[in-house]
Amino acid sequence: MSARVIRPFHYLTYGVSDVFGAGSMAVIAGWILFFYSTFCGLTAVEASGIFAISRLFDAVWSPLLGHISDSIGNTRLGRRFGRRRVFLLGAIPLLPSFALMWVSGHTYLYYLCTYVFFELTYASVLVPYSALAPEMTDDYKKLSTFAGVRLICAQASAILAGILPNLIIKLFGGKDSADTFLYMGIAFSVLFMAVVWITYRFSWEREPAAGTGPALQTTFLGVLGNLFYNVGSTLRIRAFRLHLGMYLGGYISQDIFNAAFTYFVVFVLGGNVALASAHMGAMAFAQLIAVICFIPLILRLQPAPAFRLASVIYIAGILGLALLYEFRQTPSALLYVPVLIAGFGRGGLNFIPWNIYNYIAEVDEIVTAERRPGVFSGVMVITRKTTMAVAVMAVGWILSLSGFAPGAAAQSAAANKTITTVLVAGPILLLLMGIAVSFRFKLTQQTHAVLLREIDRFKRGETAPPSEEDRQILEDLTGWSHDQLWGKNPVSTTSRRTLRVEVANR
């Protein structure tokens, strides 16, 4: 691709949109279950229904967006606004829907509709946005910097998500109320519109080359057929399967922790929403510092060892919280110690998967001879949101089974013990899963250089086999033998079209 000069300004204007991506998810993961159960009168079953129904819509919407954004580059709309960027522009007027979720006193149907609508709007931004960095460069270090700045912006928004309720409480009367969350929703909605527009205005995309993306189907059945095939085909790329294992281990562990942490502070430690907000803000600050540290560290250690280091640090922080419960040590100052340790580990876990994702497009390209980052982005977004919803649902169900009483000022000893067990055991088990997967993940700066070199050879039509070492690297990353690469396999759209023609001619 053409070498456009990338300046620090471009890294920042790209990264700011994850203020929306991470900020909205941080608010939802940390506060939505508490808001529904405390101020809206919803039971755990009702809240779980909202999350489950939204996933049914999203299961089609997110992958569909990824497929379309990969396919419309050669259409008039794609040429005018960009195949990724056009979705950012179209979603901006819809972002105030975030504030509508945080209005108390409505029916179950209201909360269902507002949640589903925002989730679809979220996907309309995040799926094309996550595929945008590989459009802007294919340089390993520049992609790592794009991911790093993106995650710095994300952690800054997580700090705001953690401390804003506390600031609003102090500003508007010093007590917990539903209005706290409405004001927070309005403030974030305005911020989200601004950052998405900035990314649209100052980003760019590579010129789509003929035949480098999946064909855009014009029939409904054609769209659905390609959609579900492309989603499934991502799992036939070995590096992406392993990447998902690490991604889910790091992120679901945080979703469970976030859903349980407010309950832990308010009921187990006898605090309040303001105290929980302050500590969530401190944790997010530690995450921000961690991202800054892990940007150079991941280039030195490489992704898999860096993932293991971050996981161990996070586990140490979680165990520190367990000790506070065990010895009934509840002073807020002492609570900051494990919170900051956990936050530092979480920052590394947030950064590493999105750093890795930027290189998956090349692994897929050498298999399919196509550029499909949108499909992979769609799979990651739907996987992320589905697992987050499942995690929040699971926490709600488990608390309900333990005898948790919605709206009560205090909980039973059994409920408090269950809250602590969920906060500690759930995240640690998932982190151990991610650590186990990381030992099989071999995508590094050196192996990525081999990928780019071999892609260039295929594009030039060279037929000489690579060295034995390079061949093993390619087969380990892709999961396919070398003679099946560059479209000579069932994953490739070109290969499938050729097969259909051969069958039709028989």
Protein backbone atom coordinates (compact mmCIF):
# COMPACT_ATOMS: atom_id res chain seq x y z
CA MET A 1 0.00 0.00 0.00
CA SER A 2 1.11 3.60 -0.47
CA ALA A 3 3.25 4.98 2.33
CA ARG A 4 1.29 7.93 3.69
CA VAL A 5 3.10 9.90 6.37
CA ILE A 6 1.59 9.12 9.77
CA ARG A 7 2.11 11.79 12.40
CA PRO A 8 1.34 11.72 16.16
CA PHE A 9 -1.81 13.71 15.40
CA HIS A 10 -3.11 10.84 13.26
CA TYR A 11 -2.54 8.26 16.00
CA LEU A 12 -4.56 10.44 18.38
CA THR A 13 -7.43 11.22 16.01
CA TYR A 14 -7.76 7.52 15.25
CA GLY A 15 -7.52 6.44 18.88
CA VAL A 16 -10.11 8.83 20.33
CA SER A 17 -13.06 6.82 18.98
CA ASP A 18 -12.33 4.10 21.51
CA VAL A 19 -13.48 6.63 24.10
CA PHE A 20 -16.84 5.57 22.70
CA GLY A 21 -16.00 1.88 22.24
CA ALA A 22 -14.44 1.24 25.64
CA GLY A 23 -16.18 4.02 27.55
CA SER A 24 -19.71 2.84 26.78
CA MET A 25 -18.83 -0.78 27.56
CA ALA A 26 -17.13 0.23 30.82
CA VAL A 27 -20.25 2.12 31.92
CA ILE A 28 -22.58 -0.72 30.92
CA ALA A 29 -20.45 -3.49 32.43
CA GLY A 30 -19.87 -1.59 35.66
CA TRP A 31 -23.25 0.02 36.26
CA ILE A 32 -26.15 -1.29 34.14
CA LEU A 33 -27.06 -4.31 36.29
CA PHE A 34 -26.83 -2.20 39.44
CA PHE A 35 -28.97 0.54 37.82
CA TYR A 36 -31.63 -1.90 36.61
CA SER A 37 -31.90 -3.70 39.95
CA THR A 38 -31.68 -0.62 42.19
CA PHE A 39 -33.56 2.14 40.33
CA CYS A 40 -35.72 0.38 37.72
CA GLY A 41 -37.12 -2.48 39.79
CA LEU A 42 -36.00 -5.15 37.33
CA THR A 43 -35.21 -8.63 38.57
CA ALA A 44 -32.14 -10.60 37.53
CA VAL A 45 -34.33 -12.64 35.18
CA GLU A 46 -35.73 -9.53 33.48
CA ALA A 47 -32.31 -7.94 33.10
CA SER A 48 -30.92 -11.20 31.70
CA GLY A 49 -33.74 -11.23 29.15
CA ILE A 50 -32.71 -7.79 27.90
CA PHE A 51 -29.12 -8.90 27.41
CA ALA A 52 -30.12 -12.16 25.72
CA ILE A 53 -32.58 -10.57 23.27
CA SER A 54 -30.07 -7.90 22.27
CA ARG A 55 -27.57 -10.63 21.42
CA LEU A 56 -30.05 -12.24 19.01
CA PHE A 57 -30.18 -9.03 16.99
CA ASP A 58 -26.45 -8.46 17.28
CA ALA A 59 -25.60 -12.00 16.17
CA VAL A 60 -26.74 -11.00 12.68
CA TRP A 61 -26.03 -7.26 12.73
CA SER A 62 -22.33 -7.19 13.67
CA PRO A 63 -21.11 -9.84 11.19
CA LEU A 64 -23.35 -8.31 8.51
CA LEU A 65 -21.71 -4.92 9.04
CA GLY A 66 -18.28 -6.49 8.76
CA HIS A 67 -19.18 -8.27 5.53
CA ILE A 68 -20.71 -5.14 3.97
CA SER A 69 -17.80 -2.91 4.96
CA ASP A 70 -15.41 -5.37 3.31
CA SER A 71 -17.52 -5.43 0.15
CA ILE A 72 -18.62 -1.86 -0.66
CA GLY A 73 -15.22 -0.34 -1.42
CA ASN A 74 -15.85 -0.35 -5.17
CA THR A 75 -19.38 1.05 -4.94
CA ARG A 76 -20.17 4.76 -5.36
CA LEU A 77 -20.95 5.10 -1.63
CA GLY A 78 -17.71 3.39 -0.63
CA ARG A 79 -15.61 5.53 -2.97
CA ARG A 80 -17.24 8.74 -1.73
CA PHE A 81 -17.09 8.21 2.03
CA GLY A 82 -14.86 5.15 2.52
CA ARG A 83 -16.00 1.59 3.11
CA ARG A 84 -15.30 1.84 6.87
CA ARG A 85 -15.72 5.57 7.48
CA VAL A 86 -19.20 5.84 5.97
CA PHE A 87 -20.55 3.85 8.91
CA LEU A 88 -18.91 6.20 11.42
CA LEU A 89 -20.55 9.19 9.77
CA GLY A 90 -23.98 7.56 9.66
CA ALA A 91 -23.90 6.53 13.33
CA ILE A 92 -23.10 9.95 14.81
CA PRO A 93 -26.76 11.19 15.01
CA LEU A 94 -27.73 7.93 16.75
CA LEU A 95 -25.24 8.11 19.61
CA PRO A 96 -27.50 10.08 22.02
CA SER A 97 -29.44 6.81 22.36
CA PHE A 98 -26.89 5.98 25.08
CA ALA A 99 -28.51 8.52 27.43
CA LEU A 100 -31.98 7.02 26.92
CA MET A 101 -30.93 3.81 28.65
CA TRP A 102 -30.39 5.62 31.96
CA VAL A 103 -33.91 7.02 32.56
CA SER A 104 -35.65 5.46 35.57
CA GLY A 105 -39.37 4.84 36.06
CA HIS A 106 -40.21 3.14 32.77
CA THR A 107 -41.48 -0.28 31.74
CA TYR A 108 -39.51 -3.39 30.91
CA LEU A 109 -40.27 -2.84 27.20
CA TYR A 110 -38.67 0.62 27.35
CA TYR A 111 -35.43 -0.73 28.80
CA LEU A 112 -35.38 -3.59 26.30
CA CYS A 113 -35.84 -1.29 23.28
CA THR A 114 -33.34 1.35 24.40
CA TYR A 115 -30.69 -1.26 25.21
CA VAL A 116 -31.12 -3.13 21.90
CA PHE A 117 -31.07 0.09 19.86
CA PHE A 118 -27.87 1.30 21.49
CA GLU A 119 -26.19 -2.07 21.05
CA LEU A 120 -26.91 -2.00 17.31
CA THR A 121 -25.63 1.58 17.12
CA TYR A 122 -22.50 0.55 19.00
CA ALA A 123 -21.80 -2.20 16.47
CA SER A 124 -22.33 0.26 13.61
CA VAL A 125 -19.33 2.20 14.87
CA LEU A 126 -17.05 -0.44 16.38
CA VAL A 127 -17.11 -3.02 13.59
CA PRO A 128 -15.83 -0.68 10.84
CA TYR A 129 -13.68 1.30 13.30
CA SER A 130 -11.81 -1.81 14.42
CA ALA A 131 -11.03 -2.60 10.76
CA LEU A 132 -9.75 0.93 10.06
CA ALA A 133 -6.15 0.77 11.34
CA PRO A 134 -5.10 -2.00 8.88
CA GLU A 135 -6.46 0.28 6.13
CA MET A 136 -4.14 3.09 7.18
CA THR A 137 -0.88 1.10 7.34
CA ASP A 138 0.54 -2.44 7.35
CA ASP A 139 3.73 -1.50 9.24
CA TYR A 140 4.07 -3.65 12.40
CA LYS A 141 5.34 -0.89 14.70
CA LYS A 142 2.87 1.69 13.40
CA LEU A 143 -0.02 -0.73 13.86
CA SER A 144 1.20 -1.38 17.40
CA THR A 145 1.26 2.38 18.03
CA PHE A 146 -2.25 2.77 16.63
CA ALA A 147 -3.43 0.04 19.01
CA GLY A 148 -1.56 1.59 21.91
CA VAL A 149 -2.95 5.09 21.45
CA ARG A 150 -6.42 3.61 20.95
CA LEU A 151 -6.17 1.78 24.26
CA ILE A 152 -4.78 4.85 26.05
CA CYS A 153 -7.90 6.72 24.94
CA ALA A 154 -10.00 3.74 25.98
CA GLN A 155 -8.53 3.69 29.47
CA ALA A 156 -9.00 7.44 29.82
CA SER A 157 -12.69 6.90 29.10
CA ALA A 158 -12.78 4.05 31.61
CA ILE A 159 -11.40 6.43 34.25
CA LEU A 160 -14.23 8.81 33.44
CA ALA A 161 -16.75 5.96 33.58
CA GLY A 162 -15.47 5.07 37.03
CA ILE A 163 -15.31 8.54 38.62
CA LEU A 164 -18.14 10.41 36.88
CA PRO A 165 -20.94 9.00 39.08
CA ASN A 166 -19.00 10.11 42.16
CA LEU A 167 -18.48 13.61 40.71
CA ILE A 168 -22.17 13.90 39.81
CA ILE A 169 -23.21 12.75 43.28
CA LYS A 170 -21.06 15.47 44.84
CA LEU A 171 -22.25 18.11 42.37
CA PHE A 172 -25.98 17.39 42.66
CA GLY A 173 -26.58 16.81 46.32
CA GLY A 174 -24.17 14.17 47.59
CA LYS A 175 -26.58 11.22 47.57
CA ASP A 176 -27.16 8.23 45.36
CA SER A 177 -30.09 8.60 42.93
CA ALA A 178 -31.17 7.55 39.46
CA ASP A 179 -30.45 11.07 38.17
CA THR A 180 -26.74 10.38 38.70
CA PHE A 181 -26.82 7.84 35.89
CA LEU A 182 -28.98 9.97 33.57
CA TYR A 183 -26.56 12.90 33.82
CA MET A 184 -23.71 10.50 33.19
CA GLY A 185 -25.48 9.15 30.09
CA ILE A 186 -26.03 12.64 28.68
CA ALA A 187 -22.41 13.67 29.26
CA PHE A 188 -21.08 10.55 27.58
CA SER A 189 -23.47 10.89 24.62
CA VAL A 190 -22.09 14.33 23.76
CA LEU A 191 -18.54 13.07 24.14
CA PHE A 192 -19.22 10.03 21.95
CA MET A 193 -20.55 12.15 19.08
CA ALA A 194 -17.45 14.37 19.17
CA VAL A 195 -14.84 11.60 19.14
CA VAL A 196 -16.47 9.57 16.36
CA TRP A 197 -16.65 12.66 14.16
CA ILE A 198 -12.95 13.40 14.81
CA THR A 199 -11.95 9.91 13.66
CA TYR A 200 -14.13 10.18 10.56
CA ARG A 201 -12.66 13.56 9.67
CA PHE A 202 -8.96 12.73 10.02
CA SER A 203 -8.66 9.04 9.02
CA TRP A 204 -8.22 7.48 5.58
CA GLU A 205 -8.40 4.12 3.83
CA ARG A 206 -6.30 2.29 1.29
CA GLU A 207 -7.63 2.23 -2.26
CA PRO A 208 -9.52 -1.05 -2.73
CA ALA A 209 -7.94 -3.23 -5.38
CA ALA A 210 -10.09 -5.33 -7.65
CA GLY A 211 -10.67 -8.79 -6.25
CA THR A 212 -9.24 -8.10 -2.79
CA GLY A 213 -12.54 -8.25 -0.92
CA PRO A 214 -15.52 -10.60 -0.88
CA ALA A 215 -18.16 -9.91 -3.52
CA LEU A 216 -21.12 -7.77 -2.42
CA GLN A 217 -24.23 -9.90 -2.89
CA THR A 218 -27.41 -8.24 -4.09
CA THR A 219 -29.95 -10.86 -2.99
CA PHE A 220 -31.12 -11.46 0.57
CA LEU A 221 -30.23 -15.16 0.47
CA GLY A 222 -26.87 -14.33 -1.08
CA VAL A 223 -26.09 -11.86 1.70
CA LEU A 224 -27.07 -14.34 4.44
CA GLY A 225 -25.17 -17.17 2.79
CA ASN A 226 -21.95 -15.17 2.54
CA LEU A 227 -22.49 -13.69 5.99
CA PHE A 228 -22.64 -16.97 7.88
CA TYR A 229 -19.95 -18.61 5.78
CA ASN A 230 -17.53 -15.72 6.31
CA VAL A 231 -18.16 -15.68 10.06
CA GLY A 232 -17.45 -19.39 10.29
CA SER A 233 -14.43 -19.11 8.03
CA THR A 234 -12.64 -16.80 10.46
CA LEU A 235 -12.36 -19.72 12.87
CA ARG A 236 -10.45 -21.69 10.22
CA ILE A 237 -7.52 -19.29 10.65
CA ARG A 238 -5.42 -20.77 13.45
CA ALA A 239 -3.88 -17.52 14.69
CA PHE A 240 -7.35 -15.98 15.00
CA ARG A 241 -8.70 -18.95 16.98
CA LEU A 242 -5.84 -18.66 19.46
CA HIS A 243 -6.21 -14.89 19.53
CA LEU A 244 -9.89 -15.29 20.47
CA GLY A 245 -8.94 -17.63 23.31
CA MET A 246 -6.63 -15.02 24.82
CA TYR A 247 -9.06 -12.19 24.07
CA LEU A 248 -11.96 -13.92 25.79
CA GLY A 249 -9.87 -14.99 28.77
CA GLY A 250 -8.71 -11.43 29.37
CA TYR A 251 -11.97 -9.62 28.69
CA ILE A 252 -14.62 -11.94 30.16
CA SER A 253 -12.61 -12.05 33.38
CA GLN A 254 -12.96 -8.26 33.53
CA ASP A 255 -16.68 -8.35 32.69
CA ILE A 256 -17.36 -10.67 35.62
CA PHE A 257 -15.18 -8.57 37.89
CA ASN A 258 -16.88 -5.33 36.82
CA ALA A 259 -20.38 -6.73 37.32
CA ALA A 260 -19.56 -7.95 40.82
CA PHE A 261 -17.26 -5.16 42.04
CA THR A 262 -19.93 -2.54 42.83
CA TYR A 263 -21.88 -5.13 44.83
CA PHE A 264 -18.66 -6.11 46.62
CA VAL A 265 -17.92 -2.54 47.69
CA VAL A 266 -21.50 -1.55 48.55
CA PHE A 267 -22.68 -4.69 50.34
CA VAL A 268 -19.66 -6.80 51.35
CA LEU A 269 -17.47 -3.90 52.44
CA GLY A 270 -20.34 -1.67 53.57
CA GLY A 271 -19.54 1.21 51.24
CA ASN A 272 -21.72 3.08 48.72
CA VAL A 273 -21.91 3.97 45.04
CA ALA A 274 -19.56 6.93 45.49
CA LEU A 275 -16.89 4.71 47.07
CA ALA A 276 -17.28 2.09 44.32
CA SER A 277 -17.04 4.85 41.72
CA ALA A 278 -13.84 6.22 43.25
CA HIS A 279 -12.16 2.82 43.22
CA MET A 280 -13.30 2.02 39.70
CA GLY A 281 -11.75 5.33 38.67
CA ALA A 282 -8.50 4.43 40.43
CA MET A 283 -8.47 1.05 38.71
CA ALA A 284 -9.01 2.68 35.34
CA PHE A 285 -6.12 5.09 36.05
CA ALA A 286 -3.84 2.12 36.73
CA GLN A 287 -5.05 0.59 33.46
CA LEU A 288 -4.07 3.76 31.61
CA ILE A 289 -0.56 3.67 33.07
CA ALA A 290 -0.32 -0.02 32.17
CA VAL A 291 -1.20 0.59 28.51
CA ILE A 292 1.54 3.22 28.28
CA CYS A 293 4.00 0.72 29.78
CA PHE A 294 2.90 -2.21 27.61
CA ILE A 295 3.27 -0.34 24.28
CA PRO A 296 7.10 -0.70 24.30
CA LEU A 297 6.98 -3.85 26.45
CA ILE A 298 4.99 -5.86 23.92
CA LEU A 299 7.61 -5.12 21.24
CA ARG A 300 10.31 -6.41 23.58
CA LEU A 301 8.49 -9.43 25.07
CA GLN A 302 6.17 -10.18 22.09
CA PRO A 303 2.38 -10.61 22.56
CA ALA A 304 2.01 -14.03 24.23
CA PRO A 305 4.58 -13.53 27.04
CA ALA A 306 3.23 -10.00 27.62
CA PHE A 307 -0.28 -11.49 27.96
CA ARG A 308 0.93 -13.95 30.59
CA LEU A 309 2.66 -11.18 32.57
CA ALA A 310 -0.47 -9.02 32.58
CA SER A 311 -2.62 -12.00 33.64
CA VAL A 312 -0.40 -12.82 36.61
CA ILE A 313 -0.48 -9.20 37.79
CA TYR A 314 -4.28 -9.11 37.52
CA ILE A 315 -4.59 -12.39 39.47
CA ALA A 316 -2.39 -10.92 42.24
CA GLY A 317 -4.75 -7.95 42.58
CA ILE A 318 -7.83 -10.19 42.70
CA LEU A 319 -6.28 -12.34 45.42
CA GLY A 320 -5.57 -9.14 47.37
CA LEU A 321 -9.30 -8.36 47.35
CA ALA A 322 -10.02 -11.88 48.58
CA LEU A 323 -7.67 -11.30 51.51
CA LEU A 324 -9.54 -8.11 52.43
CA TYR A 325 -12.75 -10.12 52.63
CA GLU A 326 -11.16 -12.99 54.51
CA PHE A 327 -9.69 -10.73 57.21
CA ARG A 328 -12.61 -8.26 57.12
CA GLN A 329 -10.29 -5.37 56.29
CA THR A 330 -12.53 -2.70 54.76
CA PRO A 331 -10.85 0.74 55.04
CA SER A 332 -11.02 2.48 51.66
CA ALA A 333 -7.32 3.41 51.75
CA LEU A 334 -6.28 -0.25 52.09
CA LEU A 335 -8.67 -1.23 49.31
CA TYR A 336 -6.70 0.90 46.84
CA VAL A 337 -3.70 -1.46 46.99
CA PRO A 338 -5.26 -4.55 45.33
CA VAL A 339 -7.43 -2.32 43.14
CA LEU A 340 -4.37 -0.60 41.65
CA ILE A 341 -2.52 -3.90 41.17
CA ALA A 342 -5.54 -5.44 39.44
CA GLY A 343 -5.94 -2.34 37.32
CA PHE A 344 -2.35 -2.52 36.08
CA GLY A 345 -2.83 -6.11 34.96
CA ARG A 346 -6.15 -5.26 33.32
CA GLY A 347 -4.55 -2.47 31.32
CA GLY A 348 -2.13 -4.91 29.72
CA LEU A 349 -4.94 -7.37 28.99
CA ASN A 350 -6.99 -4.63 27.33
CA PHE A 351 -4.15 -3.56 25.06
CA ILE A 352 -2.64 -6.86 23.94
CA PRO A 353 -5.62 -8.43 22.06
CA TRP A 354 -6.31 -5.27 20.06
CA ASN A 355 -2.61 -4.98 19.30
CA ILE A 356 -2.70 -8.55 17.94
CA TYR A 357 -5.90 -7.98 15.97
CA ASN A 358 -4.23 -5.45 13.68
CA TYR A 359 -2.02 -8.21 12.26
CA ILE A 360 -4.71 -10.87 11.75
CA ALA A 361 -5.68 -9.36 8.37
CA GLU A 362 -2.32 -10.43 6.91
CA VAL A 363 -2.67 -13.98 8.24
CA ASP A 364 -6.09 -14.20 6.59
CA GLU A 365 -4.86 -12.56 3.37
CA ILE A 366 -2.17 -15.17 2.79
CA VAL A 367 -4.84 -17.87 3.18
CA THR A 368 -7.59 -16.31 1.07
CA ALA A 369 -5.78 -13.78 -1.18
CA GLU A 370 -8.45 -11.31 0.03
CA ARG A 371 -8.62 -8.37 2.46
CA ARG A 372 -11.33 -9.13 5.04
CA PRO A 373 -10.55 -7.17 8.23
CA GLY A 374 -14.22 -6.15 8.50
CA VAL A 375 -15.36 -9.75 8.86
CA PHE A 376 -12.87 -10.36 11.67
CA SER A 377 -13.85 -7.09 13.32
CA GLY A 378 -17.51 -8.13 13.22
CA VAL A 379 -16.70 -11.47 14.83
CA MET A 380 -14.67 -9.80 17.56
CA VAL A 381 -17.35 -7.22 18.35
CA ILE A 382 -20.20 -9.75 18.50
CA THR A 383 -18.02 -12.12 20.53
CA ARG A 384 -17.08 -9.32 22.92
CA LYS A 385 -20.62 -8.09 23.43
CA THR A 386 -22.11 -11.57 23.66
CA THR A 387 -19.64 -12.74 26.26
CA MET A 388 -20.04 -9.50 28.22
CA ALA A 389 -23.81 -9.97 28.24
CA VAL A 390 -23.45 -13.61 29.29
CA ALA A 391 -21.05 -12.61 32.06
CA VAL A 392 -23.40 -9.92 33.41
CA MET A 393 -26.37 -12.31 33.09
CA ALA A 394 -24.47 -15.05 34.93
CA VAL A 395 -23.56 -12.72 37.77
CA GLY A 396 -27.20 -11.63 38.07
CA TRP A 397 -28.50 -15.20 38.10
CA ILE A 398 -25.92 -16.38 40.63
CA LEU A 399 -26.69 -13.49 42.96
CA SER A 400 -30.40 -14.19 42.63
CA LEU A 401 -29.88 -17.86 43.55
CA SER A 402 -27.83 -16.82 46.59
CA GLY A 403 -30.77 -14.87 48.02
CA PHE A 404 -29.70 -11.40 46.89
CA ALA A 405 -32.57 -8.93 47.53
CA PRO A 406 -32.85 -6.15 44.87
CA GLY A 407 -33.25 -2.69 46.41
CA ALA A 408 -32.32 -3.81 49.93
CA ALA A 409 -29.90 -1.72 51.99
CA ALA A 410 -28.03 -4.82 53.20
CA GLN A 411 -27.66 -8.42 52.07
CA SER A 412 -27.44 -11.77 53.84
CA ALA A 413 -24.13 -13.39 54.75
CA ALA A 414 -24.72 -16.03 52.07
CA ALA A 415 -25.27 -13.37 49.40
CA ASN A 416 -22.14 -11.48 50.44
CA LYS A 417 -20.07 -14.66 50.31
CA THR A 418 -21.43 -15.41 46.83
CA ILE A 419 -20.54 -11.89 45.63
CA THR A 420 -16.97 -12.38 46.81
CA THR A 421 -16.68 -15.84 45.27
CA VAL A 422 -17.90 -14.54 41.90
CA LEU A 423 -15.49 -11.59 42.07
CA VAL A 424 -12.48 -13.83 42.76
CA ALA A 425 -13.01 -17.30 41.29
CA GLY A 426 -14.68 -16.38 37.99
CA PRO A 427 -11.96 -14.04 36.68
CA ILE A 428 -9.08 -16.26 37.82
CA LEU A 429 -10.44 -19.35 36.03
CA LEU A 430 -10.81 -17.42 32.76
CA LEU A 431 -7.35 -15.90 33.06
CA LEU A 432 -5.84 -19.36 33.50
CA MET A 433 -7.62 -20.43 30.30
CA GLY A 434 -6.13 -17.49 28.42
CA ILE A 435 -2.65 -18.24 29.77
CA ALA A 436 -2.89 -21.85 28.57
CA VAL A 437 -3.87 -20.71 25.05
CA SER A 438 -1.07 -18.12 24.90
CA PHE A 439 1.63 -20.81 24.92
CA ARG A 440 0.48 -21.89 21.44
CA PHE A 441 0.31 -18.38 19.94
CA LYS A 442 3.32 -17.60 17.71
CA LEU A 443 2.47 -14.31 15.95
CA THR A 444 5.37 -11.92 16.62
CA GLN A 445 7.11 -9.03 14.91
CA GLN A 446 9.47 -11.50 13.24
CA THR A 447 6.77 -13.90 12.00
CA HIS A 448 4.67 -10.95 10.80
CA ALA A 449 7.63 -9.84 8.66
CA VAL A 450 7.68 -13.32 7.11
CA LEU A 451 3.95 -12.99 6.37
CA LEU A 452 4.39 -9.68 4.53
CA ARG A 453 7.35 -11.01 2.57
CA GLU A 454 5.44 -14.10 1.44
CA ILE A 455 2.33 -12.08 0.54
CA ASP A 456 4.50 -9.93 -1.72
CA ARG A 457 5.93 -13.07 -3.34
CA PHE A 458 2.45 -14.44 -4.02
CA LYS A 459 1.35 -11.11 -5.50
CA ARG A 460 4.34 -11.14 -7.87
CA GLY A 461 3.41 -14.65 -8.99
CA GLU A 462 6.59 -16.27 -7.73
CA THR A 463 6.27 -20.06 -7.49
CA ALA A 464 9.54 -21.00 -5.78
CA PRO A 465 8.85 -22.49 -2.34
CA PRO A 466 10.01 -20.55 0.73
CA SER A 467 12.66 -21.74 3.11
CA GLU A 468 11.70 -24.60 5.41
CA GLU A 469 11.71 -22.23 8.39
CA ASP A 470 9.37 -19.76 6.64
CA ARG A 471 7.09 -22.57 5.52
CA GLN A 472 6.71 -23.81 9.10
CA ILE A 473 5.98 -20.27 10.31
CA LEU A 474 3.23 -19.80 7.72
CA GLU A 475 1.65 -23.17 8.43
CA ASP A 476 1.73 -22.58 12.19
CA LEU A 477 0.06 -19.17 11.86
CA THR A 478 -2.56 -20.15 9.30
CA GLY A 479 -3.32 -23.77 10.14
CA TRP A 480 -3.07 -24.64 6.42
CA SER A 481 -0.32 -26.37 4.44
CA HIS A 482 1.74 -24.08 2.24
CA ASP A 483 0.39 -25.51 -1.02
CA GLN A 484 -3.16 -24.52 0.08
CA LEU A 485 -2.33 -20.86 0.70
CA TRP A 486 -3.26 -17.89 -1.50
CA GLY A 487 -6.80 -18.96 -2.32
CA LYS A 488 -6.20 -22.69 -2.85
CA ASN A 489 -8.53 -23.70 -0.02
CA PRO A 490 -12.25 -23.71 0.88
CA VAL A 491 -11.96 -20.49 2.92
CA SER A 492 -11.28 -18.37 -0.16
CA THR A 493 -14.23 -16.76 -1.95
CA THR A 494 -12.41 -17.21 -5.27
CA SER A 495 -11.93 -20.91 -4.61
CA ARG A 496 -15.61 -21.36 -3.76
CA ARG A 497 -16.71 -19.51 -6.91
CA THR A 498 -14.41 -21.67 -9.05
CA LEU A 499 -15.77 -24.83 -7.45
CA ARG A 500 -19.37 -23.76 -8.12
CA VAL A 501 -18.53 -23.10 -11.78
CA GLU A 502 -16.86 -26.51 -12.13
CA VAL A 503 -19.87 -28.25 -10.60
CA ALA A 504 -22.26 -26.32 -12.86
CA ASN A 505 -20.28 -27.29 -15.97
CA ARG A 506 -20.35 -31.00 -15.23
